[in-house]
C-alpha atoms as a PDB file:
ATOM      1  CA  MET A   1       7.065 -26.056  -8.003  1.00  0.00           C
ATOM      2  CA  SER A   2      10.151 -25.543  -5.929  1.00  0.00           C
ATOM      3  CA  ALA A   3      10.429 -26.341  -2.266  1.00  0.00           C
ATOM      4  CA  ASP A   4      10.209 -23.538   0.288  1.00  0.00           C
ATOM      5  CA  LYS A   5       7.425 -21.659  -1.520  1.00  0.00           C
ATOM      6  CA  SER A   6       4.009 -21.009  -0.010  1.00  0.00           C
ATOM      7  CA  ALA A   7       0.918 -23.125  -0.529  1.00  0.00           C
ATOM      8  CA  GLU A   8      -0.758 -20.020  -1.960  1.00  0.00           C
ATOM      9  CA  THR A   9       2.008 -19.802  -4.582  1.00  0.00           C
ATOM     10  CA  ALA A  10       1.394 -23.432  -5.505  1.00  0.00           C
ATOM     11  CA  LEU A  11      -2.348 -22.820  -5.917  1.00  0.00           C
ATOM     12  CA  ARG A  12      -1.649 -19.754  -8.039  1.00  0.00           C
ATOM     13  CA  GLN A  13       0.547 -21.851 -10.344  1.00  0.00           C
ATOM     14  CA  ILE A  14      -2.197 -24.487 -10.721  1.00  0.00           C
ATOM     15  CA  LYS A  15      -4.657 -21.778 -11.748  1.00  0.00           C
ATOM     16  CA  GLU A  16      -2.276 -19.840 -14.030  1.00  0.00           C
ATOM     17  CA  LYS A  17      -1.197 -22.959 -15.914  1.00  0.00           C
ATOM     18  CA  ARG A  18      -4.824 -24.179 -16.005  1.00  0.00           C
ATOM     19  CA  TYR A  19      -3.917 -27.710 -14.924  1.00  0.00           C
ATOM     20  CA  ALA A  20      -7.492 -28.507 -13.859  1.00  0.00           C
ATOM     21  CA  ASP A  21      -9.169 -27.436 -17.106  1.00  0.00           C
ATOM     22  CA  LYS A  22      -9.241 -30.886 -18.710  1.00  0.00           C
ATOM     23  CA  PHE A  23     -10.854 -32.378 -15.602  1.00  0.00           C
ATOM     24  CA  HIS A  24     -13.320 -29.535 -15.142  1.00  0.00           C
ATOM     25  CA  LEU A  25     -14.928 -30.416 -18.484  1.00  0.00           C
ATOM     26  CA  LYS A  26     -16.370 -33.585 -16.958  1.00  0.00           C
ATOM     27  CA  ARG A  27     -19.644 -32.251 -15.667  1.00  0.00           C
ATOM     28  CA  GLY A  28     -20.878 -33.420 -12.317  1.00  0.00           C
ATOM     29  CA  LYS A  29     -17.359 -33.908 -10.948  1.00  0.00           C
ATOM     30  CA  THR A  30     -15.979 -32.009  -7.987  1.00  0.00           C
ATOM     31  CA  ILE A  31     -12.352 -30.981  -8.389  1.00  0.00           C
ATOM     32  CA  HIS A  32     -10.034 -30.265  -5.474  1.00  0.00           C
ATOM     33  CA  LEU A  33      -7.035 -28.043  -6.140  1.00  0.00           C
ATOM     34  CA  LEU A  34      -4.270 -28.620  -3.588  1.00  0.00           C
ATOM     35  CA  GLY A  35      -1.394 -26.223  -3.070  1.00  0.00           C
ATOM     36  CA  ILE A  36       1.266 -27.882  -0.944  1.00  0.00           C
ATOM     37  CA  ALA A  37       4.369 -26.205   0.494  1.00  0.00           C
ATOM     38  CA  PHE A  38       7.308 -28.507   1.143  1.00  0.00           C
ATOM     39  CA  SER A  39      10.366 -27.760   3.273  1.00  0.00           C
ATOM     40  CA  SER A  40      13.706 -28.510   1.610  1.00  0.00           C
ATOM     41  CA  THR A  41      15.464 -28.742   4.976  1.00  0.00           C
ATOM     42  CA  GLY A  42      12.977 -30.783   6.970  1.00  0.00           C
ATOM     43  CA  HIS A  43      11.615 -32.722   3.971  1.00  0.00           C
ATOM     44  CA  THR A  44       8.105 -32.259   5.316  1.00  0.00           C
ATOM     45  CA  VAL A  45       4.873 -30.558   4.329  1.00  0.00           C
ATOM     46  CA  GLN A  46       4.896 -27.059   5.815  1.00  0.00           C
ATOM     47  CA  GLU A  47       1.391 -26.005   4.836  1.00  0.00           C
ATOM     48  CA  TRP A  48      -1.354 -26.819   2.382  1.00  0.00           C
ATOM     49  CA  LYS A  49      -4.380 -25.052   0.957  1.00  0.00           C
ATOM     50  CA  GLU A  50      -7.369 -26.478  -0.831  1.00  0.00           C
ATOM     51  CA  GLU A  51      -9.794 -24.911  -3.252  1.00  0.00           C
ATOM     52  CA  VAL A  52     -12.877 -26.805  -4.411  1.00  0.00           C
ATOM     53  CA  LEU A  53     -14.272 -26.358  -7.912  1.00  0.00           C
ATOM     54  CA  ALA A  54     -17.818 -27.589  -8.408  1.00  0.00           C
END
C-alpha cells in the first residue's frame, strides 16, 4: 500500500487480496484487520480503521 491513501483503501486491499483467509481457518480465533494510512510528508499515521472478524 502506498502512503497518502486512506485507511478505508487499505482495508479494502486486505479484503480484496484475502490476506486474512489463512488465519480465518483457525476456528476460535478472533482476527483484527487494520487499515492504516501513513503520511509521506510527516512520516506519521494519519488515520486507522479496524474490522474484527470472529
